[in-house]
Amino acid sequence: MPMPREIPAGARIVVRICEGVDPADHRMKFRDYVGHVRSWDGHTLEMTRDAAANGSRPEQRVTIDVESIVTIKPVPERPAPRP
């Protein structure tokens, strides 16, 4: 996949990375990160990963190398919680 030249800071995206082949089942494994871009220089993506919707994982700062990225897509913001 060709990588974008520019990703604006603050954009909400989903990034899929390749984690390699699982030795147990010999299948390719992937991980998705959903969050907001902090910076992108064409080689390294820094983002704030959203907290899990069910509260099981807090917000995280992650750095992703371009070599491990499979796809990048924009995603809409989460809906506001109902009162």
C-alpha atoms as a PDB file:
ATOM      1  CA  MET A   1       0.000   0.000   0.000  1.00  0.00           C
ATOM      2  CA  PRO A   2       1.394   3.430  -0.855  1.00  0.00           C
ATOM      3  CA  MET A   3       1.742   5.546   2.275  1.00  0.00           C
ATOM      4  CA  PRO A   4       0.229   9.038   2.364  1.00  0.00           C
ATOM      5  CA  ARG A   5       2.668  11.927   2.146  1.00  0.00           C
ATOM      6  CA  GLU A   6       0.773  13.914   4.745  1.00  0.00           C
ATOM      7  CA  ILE A   7      -1.545  12.998   7.603  1.00  0.00           C
ATOM      8  CA  PRO A   8      -2.859  15.992   9.545  1.00  0.00           C
ATOM      9  CA  ALA A   9      -2.279  16.034  13.296  1.00  0.00           C
ATOM     10  CA  GLY A  10      -5.513  15.332  15.128  1.00  0.00           C
ATOM     11  CA  ALA A  11      -6.983  13.127  12.392  1.00  0.00           C
ATOM     12  CA  ARG A  12      -8.672   9.978  13.728  1.00  0.00           C
ATOM     13  CA  ILE A  13      -7.413   6.911  11.881  1.00  0.00           C
ATOM     14  CA  VAL A  14      -7.174   3.136  12.092  1.00  0.00           C
ATOM     15  CA  VAL A  15      -3.763   1.615  11.386  1.00  0.00           C
ATOM     16  CA  ARG A  16      -3.335  -2.116  10.756  1.00  0.00           C
ATOM     17  CA  ILE A  17       0.126  -3.528  11.385  1.00  0.00           C
ATOM     18  CA  CYS A  18       1.573  -6.940  10.590  1.00  0.00           C
ATOM     19  CA  GLU A  19       2.858  -8.842  13.624  1.00  0.00           C
ATOM     20  CA  GLY A  20       4.191 -11.797  11.626  1.00  0.00           C
ATOM     21  CA  VAL A  21       3.325 -15.477  11.452  1.00  0.00           C
ATOM     22  CA  ASP A  22       1.946 -17.179  14.555  1.00  0.00           C
ATOM     23  CA  PRO A  23       4.142 -20.211  15.339  1.00  0.00           C
ATOM     24  CA  ALA A  24       1.163 -22.149  16.720  1.00  0.00           C
ATOM     25  CA  ASP A  25      -1.215 -21.944  13.736  1.00  0.00           C
ATOM     26  CA  HIS A  26       1.155 -20.619  11.011  1.00  0.00           C
ATOM     27  CA  ARG A  27      -1.237 -17.808  10.092  1.00  0.00           C
ATOM     28  CA  MET A  28      -0.349 -14.152   9.606  1.00  0.00           C
ATOM     29  CA  LYS A  29      -1.369 -12.013  12.602  1.00  0.00           C
ATOM     30  CA  PHE A  30      -2.393  -8.361  12.519  1.00  0.00           C
ATOM     31  CA  ARG A  31      -3.150  -5.692  15.141  1.00  0.00           C
ATOM     32  CA  ASP A  32      -5.308  -2.588  14.709  1.00  0.00           C
ATOM     33  CA  TYR A  33      -4.703   0.754  16.393  1.00  0.00           C
ATOM     34  CA  VAL A  34      -7.488   3.353  16.421  1.00  0.00           C
ATOM     35  CA  GLY A  35      -6.682   6.848  17.577  1.00  0.00           C
ATOM     36  CA  HIS A  36      -5.560  10.380  16.782  1.00  0.00           C
ATOM     37  CA  VAL A  37      -2.418  11.313  14.903  1.00  0.00           C
ATOM     38  CA  ARG A  38       0.214  13.231  16.866  1.00  0.00           C
ATOM     39  CA  SER A  39       2.769  13.372  14.043  1.00  0.00           C
ATOM     40  CA  TRP A  40       3.729  11.698  10.755  1.00  0.00           C
ATOM     41  CA  ASP A  41       7.037  12.184   8.949  1.00  0.00           C
ATOM     42  CA  GLY A  42       6.633   9.490   6.290  1.00  0.00           C
ATOM     43  CA  HIS A  43       8.750   7.028   8.292  1.00  0.00           C
ATOM     44  CA  THR A  44       7.242   7.013  11.779  1.00  0.00           C
ATOM     45  CA  LEU A  45       3.648   7.504  12.898  1.00  0.00           C
ATOM     46  CA  GLU A  46       3.050   8.790  16.404  1.00  0.00           C
ATOM     47  CA  MET A  47      -0.500   8.580  17.648  1.00  0.00           C
ATOM     48  CA  THR A  48      -2.634   8.550  20.755  1.00  0.00           C
ATOM     49  CA  ARG A  49      -4.491   5.246  20.768  1.00  0.00           C
ATOM     50  CA  ASP A  50      -8.067   5.582  21.973  1.00  0.00           C
ATOM     51  CA  ALA A  51      -9.027   4.029  25.285  1.00  0.00           C
ATOM     52  CA  ALA A  52     -11.102   0.867  24.950  1.00  0.00           C
ATOM     53  CA  ALA A  53     -14.823   1.617  24.771  1.00  0.00           C
ATOM     54  CA  ASN A  54     -15.497  -0.802  27.649  1.00  0.00           C
ATOM     55  CA  GLY A  55     -12.808   0.761  29.866  1.00  0.00           C
ATOM     56  CA  SER A  56     -10.476  -2.263  29.790  1.00  0.00           C
ATOM     57  CA  ARG A  57      -7.517  -0.305  28.321  1.00  0.00           C
ATOM     58  CA  PRO A  58      -6.559   3.315  28.952  1.00  0.00           C
ATOM     59  CA  GLU A  59      -5.490   5.775  26.263  1.00  0.00           C
ATOM     60  CA  GLN A  60      -1.924   5.051  25.050  1.00  0.00           C
ATOM     61  CA  ARG A  61       0.793   6.869  23.125  1.00  0.00           C
ATOM     62  CA  VAL A  62       2.185   4.607  20.395  1.00  0.00           C
ATOM     63  CA  THR A  63       4.936   4.910  17.796  1.00  0.00           C
ATOM     64  CA  ILE A  64       4.577   2.806  14.641  1.00  0.00           C
ATOM     65  CA  ASP A  65       7.297   2.252  12.042  1.00  0.00           C
ATOM     66  CA  VAL A  66       6.175   2.557   8.400  1.00  0.00           C
ATOM     67  CA  GLU A  67       7.654  -0.888   7.598  1.00  0.00           C
ATOM     68  CA  SER A  68       5.050  -2.627   9.785  1.00  0.00           C
ATOM     69  CA  ILE A  69       2.002  -0.701   8.453  1.00  0.00           C
ATOM     70  CA  VAL A  70      -0.374  -2.664   6.208  1.00  0.00           C
ATOM     71  CA  THR A  71      -3.198  -0.100   5.891  1.00  0.00           C
ATOM     72  CA  ILE A  72      -4.176   3.356   7.119  1.00  0.00           C
ATOM     73  CA  LYS A  73      -7.771   4.576   6.928  1.00  0.00           C
ATOM     74  CA  PRO A  74      -9.627   7.585   8.313  1.00  0.00           C
ATOM     75  CA  VAL A  75     -12.442   6.765  10.744  1.00  0.00           C
ATOM     76  CA  PRO A  76     -15.174   8.965  12.219  1.00  0.00           C
ATOM     77  CA  GLU A  77     -15.132  10.117  15.818  1.00  0.00           C
ATOM     78  CA  ARG A  78     -16.946   7.972  18.390  1.00  0.00           C
ATOM     79  CA  PRO A  79     -20.500   9.094  19.057  1.00  0.00           C
ATOM     80  CA  ALA A  80     -20.928  11.137  22.221  1.00  0.00           C
ATOM     81  CA  PRO A  81     -22.207   9.048  25.148  1.00  0.00           C
ATOM     82  CA  ARG A  82     -25.886   9.360  25.908  1.00  0.00           C
ATOM     83  CA  PRO A  83     -26.760  11.217  29.104  1.00  0.00           C
END
